[in-house]
Amino acid sequence: MDIEDLDELMELADRIAVIFRGKFVRILKRDEASLELLGRL
């Protein structure tokens, strides 16, 4: 996924789930998420 996709995702989604190796790492509300935070997760 690239930055443009993340921008669109953040505009459309109510919540964003970060999944790593098949497990949920974190579920964020849209207003809690930032590109910086998503990059760190």
C-alpha atoms as a PDB file:
ATOM      1  CA  MET A   1       0.000   0.000   0.000  1.00  0.00           C
ATOM      2  CA  ASP A   2       1.351   3.455  -0.812  1.00  0.00           C
ATOM      3  CA  ILE A   3       0.754   6.881   0.712  1.00  0.00           C
ATOM      4  CA  GLU A   4      -2.009   7.791  -1.746  1.00  0.00           C
ATOM      5  CA  ASP A   5      -3.908   4.633  -0.771  1.00  0.00           C
ATOM      6  CA  LEU A   6      -3.509   5.480   2.919  1.00  0.00           C
ATOM      7  CA  ASP A   7      -4.851   8.992   2.373  1.00  0.00           C
ATOM      8  CA  GLU A   8      -7.914   7.575   0.618  1.00  0.00           C
ATOM      9  CA  LEU A   9      -8.334   4.892   3.289  1.00  0.00           C
ATOM     10  CA  MET A  10      -8.281   7.491   6.050  1.00  0.00           C
ATOM     11  CA  GLU A  11     -10.955   9.535   4.253  1.00  0.00           C
ATOM     12  CA  LEU A  12     -13.296   6.562   3.762  1.00  0.00           C
ATOM     13  CA  ALA A  13     -12.857   4.369   6.828  1.00  0.00           C
ATOM     14  CA  ASP A  14     -14.482   4.677  10.245  1.00  0.00           C
ATOM     15  CA  ARG A  15     -11.836   2.419  11.784  1.00  0.00           C
ATOM     16  CA  ILE A  16      -8.501   1.110  10.553  1.00  0.00           C
ATOM     17  CA  ALA A  17      -7.155  -2.307  11.576  1.00  0.00           C
ATOM     18  CA  VAL A  18      -3.434  -2.976  11.374  1.00  0.00           C
ATOM     19  CA  ILE A  19      -2.726  -6.666  10.750  1.00  0.00           C
ATOM     20  CA  PHE A  20       0.767  -8.186  10.923  1.00  0.00           C
ATOM     21  CA  ARG A  21       1.461 -11.863  10.258  1.00  0.00           C
ATOM     22  CA  GLY A  22      -2.239 -12.635  10.411  1.00  0.00           C
ATOM     23  CA  LYS A  23      -2.843 -11.029  13.808  1.00  0.00           C
ATOM     24  CA  PHE A  24      -4.483  -7.748  14.681  1.00  0.00           C
ATOM     25  CA  VAL A  25      -1.860  -5.373  16.028  1.00  0.00           C
ATOM     26  CA  ARG A  26      -4.203  -2.481  16.659  1.00  0.00           C
ATOM     27  CA  ILE A  27      -7.613  -1.134  15.681  1.00  0.00           C
ATOM     28  CA  LEU A  28      -7.808   2.643  15.465  1.00  0.00           C
ATOM     29  CA  LYS A  29     -10.673   5.075  15.062  1.00  0.00           C
ATOM     30  CA  ARG A  30     -10.141   7.329  12.068  1.00  0.00           C
ATOM     31  CA  ASP A  31      -9.504  10.385  14.248  1.00  0.00           C
ATOM     32  CA  GLU A  32      -6.827   8.476  16.225  1.00  0.00           C
ATOM     33  CA  ALA A  33      -4.923   7.382  13.119  1.00  0.00           C
ATOM     34  CA  SER A  34      -2.195   9.346  11.394  1.00  0.00           C
ATOM     35  CA  LEU A  35       0.156   8.421   8.573  1.00  0.00           C
ATOM     36  CA  GLU A  36       3.045   8.599  11.036  1.00  0.00           C
ATOM     37  CA  LEU A  37       1.381   6.252  13.536  1.00  0.00           C
ATOM     38  CA  LEU A  38       0.343   3.774  10.850  1.00  0.00           C
ATOM     39  CA  GLY A  39       3.898   3.761   9.530  1.00  0.00           C
ATOM     40  CA  ARG A  40       5.271   2.905  12.967  1.00  0.00           C
ATOM     41  CA  LEU A  41       2.806   0.053  13.475  1.00  0.00           C
END
